[in-house]
Amino acid sequence: MIKKYVVSFNVDVELEIDESKFDNDFMEEFKQGFHEFNTIEEHITYLAELNLRGICDNRDFIEGYGETEEMGINFKRIDFIDEEIEEITE
């Protein structure tokens, strides 16, 4: 018998950014080449998702942003807060 499960973790990511780097010129250039983000909050959410998925951290070049240090981007992952395991029944 094969059983399927979904495992969910609640993880917090603390993200510091230098908002001065996200000026109008940057926002327009980013929209043209990547995503149509209109707010800094959309960038924060996207960057946190990339970090949670293991795509980037504090030592990386992030496509569309550049070097994290130069852009004033700093991630701090906080340990797992909670977990949930759910059996999928078909």
N, C-alpha and C. Protein backbone atom coordinates (compact mmCIF):
# COMPACT_ATOMS: atom_id res chain seq x y z
N MET A 1 0.84 -1.17 0.00
CA MET A 1 0.00 0.00 0.00
C MET A 1 0.90 1.25 0.00
N ILE A 2 0.54 2.19 -0.85
CA ILE A 2 1.26 3.46 -0.90
C ILE A 2 0.36 4.54 -0.32
N LYS A 3 0.92 5.30 0.59
CA LYS A 3 0.20 6.43 1.18
C LYS A 3 0.92 7.71 0.83
N LYS A 4 0.14 8.78 0.63
CA LYS A 4 0.71 10.09 0.33
C LYS A 4 0.48 11.02 1.51
N TYR A 5 1.47 11.87 1.75
CA TYR A 5 1.39 12.83 2.85
C TYR A 5 1.84 14.19 2.36
N VAL A 6 1.27 15.21 2.96
CA VAL A 6 1.74 16.58 2.76
C VAL A 6 2.35 17.01 4.08
N VAL A 7 3.59 17.46 4.04
CA VAL A 7 4.26 17.94 5.23
C VAL A 7 4.44 19.45 5.08
N SER A 8 3.91 20.18 6.03
CA SER A 8 4.00 21.64 5.99
C SER A 8 4.78 22.13 7.20
N PHE A 9 5.64 23.08 6.98
CA PHE A 9 6.41 23.69 8.05
C PHE A 9 6.09 25.17 8.10
N ASN A 10 5.93 25.69 9.28
CA ASN A 10 5.81 27.12 9.47
C ASN A 10 7.19 27.63 9.84
N VAL A 11 7.78 28.40 8.94
CA VAL A 11 9.13 28.92 9.13
C VAL A 11 9.07 30.42 8.96
N ASP A 12 9.76 31.12 9.84
CA ASP A 12 9.84 32.57 9.70
C ASP A 12 11.18 32.95 9.08
N VAL A 13 11.13 33.93 8.20
CA VAL A 13 12.34 34.51 7.62
C VAL A 13 12.34 35.98 7.97
N GLU A 14 13.39 36.41 8.61
CA GLU A 14 13.56 37.84 8.87
C GLU A 14 14.37 38.40 7.72
N LEU A 15 13.89 39.46 7.13
CA LEU A 15 14.53 40.03 5.94
C LEU A 15 14.77 41.51 6.17
N GLU A 16 16.02 41.91 6.07
CA GLU A 16 16.36 43.32 6.12
C GLU A 16 16.71 43.76 4.72
N ILE A 17 16.20 44.92 4.32
CA ILE A 17 16.57 45.46 3.02
C ILE A 17 16.85 46.95 3.16
N ASP A 18 17.70 47.44 2.30
CA ASP A 18 17.97 48.86 2.22
C ASP A 18 16.96 49.43 1.23
N GLU A 19 15.91 50.04 1.74
CA GLU A 19 14.83 50.53 0.88
C GLU A 19 15.30 51.59 -0.10
N SER A 20 16.39 52.27 0.19
CA SER A 20 16.89 53.29 -0.74
C SER A 20 17.38 52.68 -2.05
N LYS A 21 17.71 51.40 -2.04
CA LYS A 21 18.15 50.70 -3.26
C LYS A 21 16.96 50.39 -4.18
N PHE A 22 15.76 50.41 -3.63
CA PHE A 22 14.55 50.09 -4.39
C PHE A 22 13.87 51.39 -4.85
N ASP A 23 14.65 52.23 -5.49
CA ASP A 23 14.12 53.52 -5.95
C ASP A 23 13.29 53.33 -7.23
N ASN A 24 12.74 54.42 -7.75
CA ASN A 24 11.88 54.35 -8.93
C ASN A 24 12.59 53.74 -10.13
N ASP A 25 13.87 54.09 -10.33
CA ASP A 25 14.62 53.55 -11.47
C ASP A 25 14.74 52.02 -11.36
N PHE A 26 15.09 51.55 -10.15
CA PHE A 26 15.20 50.11 -9.96
C PHE A 26 13.86 49.42 -10.20
N MET A 27 12.79 49.99 -9.62
CA MET A 27 11.47 49.38 -9.74
C MET A 27 11.04 49.27 -11.21
N GLU A 28 11.27 50.30 -11.99
CA GLU A 28 10.89 50.28 -13.41
C GLU A 28 11.73 49.28 -14.19
N GLU A 29 13.02 49.26 -13.94
CA GLU A 29 13.90 48.32 -14.63
C GLU A 29 13.53 46.88 -14.29
N PHE A 30 13.23 46.62 -13.03
CA PHE A 30 12.85 45.28 -12.60
C PHE A 30 11.55 44.84 -13.29
N LYS A 31 10.60 45.75 -13.38
CA LYS A 31 9.32 45.44 -14.05
C LYS A 31 9.54 45.05 -15.50
N GLN A 32 10.43 45.75 -16.18
CA GLN A 32 10.66 45.49 -17.60
C GLN A 32 11.31 44.14 -17.84
N GLY A 33 12.17 43.70 -16.93
CA GLY A 33 12.91 42.47 -17.17
C GLY A 33 12.45 41.26 -16.40
N PHE A 34 11.66 41.46 -15.34
CA PHE A 34 11.36 40.33 -14.47
C PHE A 34 9.88 40.23 -14.12
N HIS A 35 9.46 40.88 -13.07
CA HIS A 35 8.08 40.79 -12.59
C HIS A 35 7.49 42.19 -12.46
N GLU A 36 6.21 42.29 -12.60
CA GLU A 36 5.53 43.58 -12.48
C GLU A 36 5.18 43.88 -11.03
N PHE A 37 6.19 43.98 -10.20
CA PHE A 37 5.98 44.34 -8.80
C PHE A 37 5.83 45.85 -8.71
N ASN A 38 4.81 46.29 -7.99
CA ASN A 38 4.55 47.72 -7.83
C ASN A 38 4.91 48.25 -6.46
N THR A 39 5.15 47.34 -5.51
CA THR A 39 5.45 47.77 -4.15
C THR A 39 6.69 47.05 -3.63
N ILE A 40 7.28 47.66 -2.64
CA ILE A 40 8.44 47.04 -2.00
C ILE A 40 8.02 45.77 -1.26
N GLU A 41 6.77 45.73 -0.79
CA GLU A 41 6.26 44.55 -0.10
C GLU A 41 6.23 43.33 -1.03
N GLU A 42 5.94 43.56 -2.31
CA GLU A 42 5.96 42.45 -3.27
C GLU A 42 7.38 41.91 -3.44
N HIS A 43 8.36 42.80 -3.43
CA HIS A 43 9.76 42.37 -3.51
C HIS A 43 10.14 41.59 -2.25
N ILE A 44 9.72 42.08 -1.09
CA ILE A 44 10.04 41.41 0.17
C ILE A 44 9.47 39.99 0.18
N THR A 45 8.22 39.85 -0.23
CA THR A 45 7.58 38.53 -0.28
C THR A 45 8.32 37.61 -1.23
N TYR A 46 8.66 38.10 -2.40
CA TYR A 46 9.36 37.31 -3.41
C TYR A 46 10.73 36.87 -2.90
N LEU A 47 11.47 37.79 -2.31
CA LEU A 47 12.81 37.46 -1.79
C LEU A 47 12.72 36.44 -0.66
N ALA A 48 11.75 36.59 0.22
CA ALA A 48 11.57 35.62 1.31
C ALA A 48 11.24 34.24 0.77
N GLU A 49 10.39 34.18 -0.27
CA GLU A 49 10.06 32.90 -0.89
C GLU A 49 11.29 32.26 -1.51
N LEU A 50 12.11 33.04 -2.19
CA LEU A 50 13.34 32.50 -2.78
C LEU A 50 14.24 31.93 -1.70
N ASN A 51 14.35 32.62 -0.58
CA ASN A 51 15.18 32.15 0.52
C ASN A 51 14.62 30.87 1.12
N LEU A 52 13.33 30.82 1.34
CA LEU A 52 12.71 29.62 1.92
C LEU A 52 12.86 28.41 1.01
N ARG A 53 12.86 28.64 -0.29
CA ARG A 53 13.00 27.53 -1.25
C ARG A 53 14.47 27.15 -1.44
N GLY A 54 15.38 27.85 -0.76
CA GLY A 54 16.79 27.53 -0.84
C GLY A 54 17.46 28.04 -2.09
N ILE A 55 16.85 28.98 -2.77
CA ILE A 55 17.39 29.50 -4.02
C ILE A 55 18.44 30.58 -3.78
N CYS A 56 18.32 31.31 -2.68
CA CYS A 56 19.30 32.36 -2.41
C CYS A 56 19.48 32.54 -0.91
N ASP A 57 20.65 33.09 -0.57
CA ASP A 57 20.92 33.45 0.82
C ASP A 57 21.76 34.72 0.82
N ASN A 58 22.44 34.99 1.90
CA ASN A 58 23.17 36.26 2.05
C ASN A 58 24.44 36.35 1.21
N ARG A 59 24.85 35.28 0.60
CA ARG A 59 26.10 35.28 -0.17
C ARG A 59 25.87 35.19 -1.67
N ASP A 60 24.67 35.42 -2.11
CA ASP A 60 24.33 35.14 -3.49
C ASP A 60 24.12 36.37 -4.35
N PHE A 61 24.26 36.12 -5.64
CA PHE A 61 23.80 37.04 -6.67
C PHE A 61 22.37 36.60 -6.98
N ILE A 62 21.42 37.52 -6.92
CA ILE A 62 20.03 37.20 -7.22
C ILE A 62 19.66 37.91 -8.51
N GLU A 63 19.26 37.12 -9.49
CA GLU A 63 18.90 37.67 -10.80
C GLU A 63 17.86 38.77 -10.62
N GLY A 64 18.14 39.93 -11.19
CA GLY A 64 17.24 41.07 -11.09
C GLY A 64 17.58 42.02 -9.96
N TYR A 65 18.33 41.50 -8.97
CA TYR A 65 18.69 42.32 -7.81
C TYR A 65 20.19 42.59 -7.73
N GLY A 66 20.99 41.62 -8.12
CA GLY A 66 22.44 41.75 -7.99
C GLY A 66 22.91 41.04 -6.73
N GLU A 67 24.09 41.45 -6.27
CA GLU A 67 24.67 40.86 -5.05
C GLU A 67 23.85 41.29 -3.84
N THR A 68 23.54 40.33 -2.97
CA THR A 68 22.70 40.64 -1.81
C THR A 68 23.32 41.74 -0.95
N GLU A 69 24.62 41.67 -0.75
CA GLU A 69 25.28 42.66 0.11
C GLU A 69 25.19 44.07 -0.50
N GLU A 70 25.40 44.16 -1.80
CA GLU A 70 25.34 45.46 -2.47
C GLU A 70 23.93 46.04 -2.47
N MET A 71 22.91 45.17 -2.51
CA MET A 71 21.52 45.64 -2.50
C MET A 71 20.99 45.84 -1.08
N GLY A 72 21.81 45.54 -0.09
CA GLY A 72 21.36 45.70 1.29
C GLY A 72 20.32 44.68 1.69
N ILE A 73 20.40 43.48 1.10
CA ILE A 73 19.47 42.40 1.40
C ILE A 73 20.13 41.44 2.39
N ASN A 74 19.47 41.20 3.51
CA ASN A 74 20.02 40.31 4.52
C ASN A 74 18.92 39.39 5.05
N PHE A 75 19.14 38.09 4.90
CA PHE A 75 18.18 37.09 5.35
C PHE A 75 18.61 36.52 6.69
N LYS A 76 17.64 36.26 7.54
CA LYS A 76 17.89 35.51 8.76
C LYS A 76 16.73 34.54 8.92
N ARG A 77 17.02 33.27 8.74
CA ARG A 77 15.97 32.25 8.87
C ARG A 77 15.84 31.86 10.33
N ILE A 78 14.63 31.88 10.79
CA ILE A 78 14.34 31.49 12.16
C ILE A 78 13.89 30.03 12.12
N ASP A 79 14.32 29.27 13.11
CA ASP A 79 14.03 27.83 13.12
C ASP A 79 12.56 27.53 12.92
N PHE A 80 12.30 26.27 12.59
CA PHE A 80 10.93 25.81 12.40
C PHE A 80 10.11 26.11 13.64
N ILE A 81 8.97 26.65 13.43
CA ILE A 81 8.08 27.02 14.53
C ILE A 81 7.10 25.88 14.80
N ASP A 82 6.61 25.27 13.73
CA ASP A 82 5.58 24.26 13.87
C ASP A 82 5.62 23.38 12.63
N GLU A 83 5.09 22.22 12.72
CA GLU A 83 4.98 21.35 11.55
C GLU A 83 3.63 20.67 11.55
N GLU A 84 3.20 20.30 10.37
CA GLU A 84 1.92 19.63 10.23
C GLU A 84 2.06 18.55 9.17
N ILE A 85 1.60 17.36 9.48
CA ILE A 85 1.63 16.26 8.54
C ILE A 85 0.18 15.82 8.29
N GLU A 86 -0.18 15.77 7.04
CA GLU A 86 -1.55 15.41 6.68
C GLU A 86 -1.52 14.28 5.67
N GLU A 87 -2.26 13.22 5.96
CA GLU A 87 -2.37 12.12 5.04
C GLU A 87 -3.38 12.50 3.96
N ILE A 88 -3.02 12.21 2.71
CA ILE A 88 -3.92 12.49 1.59
C ILE A 88 -4.67 11.21 1.28
N THR A 89 -5.97 11.29 1.34
CA THR A 89 -6.78 10.13 1.01
C THR A 89 -7.39 10.35 -0.36
N GLU A 90 -7.42 9.32 -1.12
CA GLU A 90 -7.93 9.44 -2.49
C GLU A 90 -9.23 8.71 -2.65
